Amino acid sequence: MKSLNYLMMFAAAAMIAGVNNVSAKKYDSYKGLVMCGYQGWASAPGDGSDRGWGSYAAPGNKFQPGDCGIDYWPEMKEYKKQYDTPFKYADGSTATLYSPADLSSVELHFKWMKQNGIDGVFMQRFIGNARPGTKNKAHFDKVFDNAMKAAQKYGRTVCLMYDLSGLSYKGENDDIAMILNDWAELSEKYGFEKRDKGYDCYLHHNGKPLLAIWGIGFPDRPYPLQFPEKLIQCLKDKDYPYQCSLHLGVPTYWREFGRDTRNEPILHDIIMMGDIIHPWTPGRYKDKATYEAYKPNIAADIAWAKAHGKDFAAGVFPGFSWYNKALWEFPGQNHPSNATPRQGGRFLWMQLAGAVNSGAEMIYVSMFDEIEEGTAIYKISKNPPVGKSPFVALEPETPSDHYMFLVGQAGKALKEGKQLPEEMPYKHKKSKK
């Protein structure tokens, strides 16, 4: 471990300017919090990233009616900086999009979080987006910097999440060193451990900065489980100066090696090395009947975690739609639009109430800004562009901030130690018809 270049840091990191500390808030535990995944994958021509349309586009960076990578369109009314697209609204006007490379756009998202009582986000960082010297790393470094500044400004919290999907395993390879150095670089720049670089907002748990590692034990992630095991061993190595608590993203049926889990006992050995267990639930149920069949797992998972000295984060999602990009990535396969309907928020509320009332102390929402697979809870357009690419519109009767509000209500219940009612609440009075 001593051979790793721990000192490959930003030289000027100690002097961080332009951070608003007025709303700064220390987060010393995940318990009592509702957190969302935050991707920041999108980009736009002219935003400085040189990545084209990023995740907005279909494979090959094609972005035009009939070729795109998103199923929902953001509501764009409040964004300060907007980029014209090839798409048109029904009235013939040009549809616009935002880029998370712009600080103002990320600040707007964190402003919405504060307004609705959402505690913060896990910043997604795929392996390929941590590789030094790439456009992707430069983009995601910028998005992470924007998120840290916005979290500090609005009193929210941030936690880094490495997604192991797509990694290339080569034994004692450079990928482990790359992840460790990337974590060390960010830890040093922002002062995660001591909060001594002008940022108080990074999430801690069990006395250390929290780091999430996602993608452990899934059959469609074929890398040997010895890889995440070795990575975690390195993160805990006494000679590694940026040790952390660990939030581990695992399959839904991790506990009994069920249908979405690799039947390898080493998975439980790895889980025992972590601090928080987070099962991934999107796509595992689609309506009330299938959720009710899943729900007993929450209490059983919590009981297992407590018996083994671990914490548990319940996963929820607002709905699911993966059509436009799947047309190109999986030709011939059936990925219907609006596959898991949102039901005006009732699908999400059912899960939030189920998690809180089953005894979950922390919640992970998939996702804040995921419009590629239709799990975003931020403001979605009720009148998306028209044409060859079908977009799922937010229901006309649903307030644009409704999903963020529901998540915030779950967070309030966690903090107050209360149960959630079965009936879904509304931030704004529901109009009578």
Foldseek 3Di string as FASTA:
>chain_A
DVPFPLPPADPPLLADPDFDQPQADAAAAQFLAEAFADELQADDPPLPLPPHGGQQFAPVNDFAQLTGQFQFAFDDPPQPDWDFGNFAFPVGDTDTDDHLLDLRVLLVLLVLLLVQQHQYYAYEAELVQLDPPDSSVVSSVSSVVSRQRSCSNRVHAYEYEYEDPPDDDDDPDCSLSSVLNSLSRVCVSCVQAPSNRVGNRFHAHPNAGEHEYEDAFFVVRPDDNVVLVVSLCVLVDPPRPRHGAYEYEAALPLVPQDDGGDPDVVSVVSVLSHAEYEHDCPPQDADDVSVVVSLVVLLVVCVVQVVSNHAYAYEFFQFWAADNNCCPVPPPDDGHGRPRPRVLVLRRLQRLLSNLVSPHRHYYYHHCDRRSTDRHQAFTAQGDTDHNRHHDHRDPQHPRNFSSNSSSVSSVCSVVVHHDDSDRDGPDDRDDD
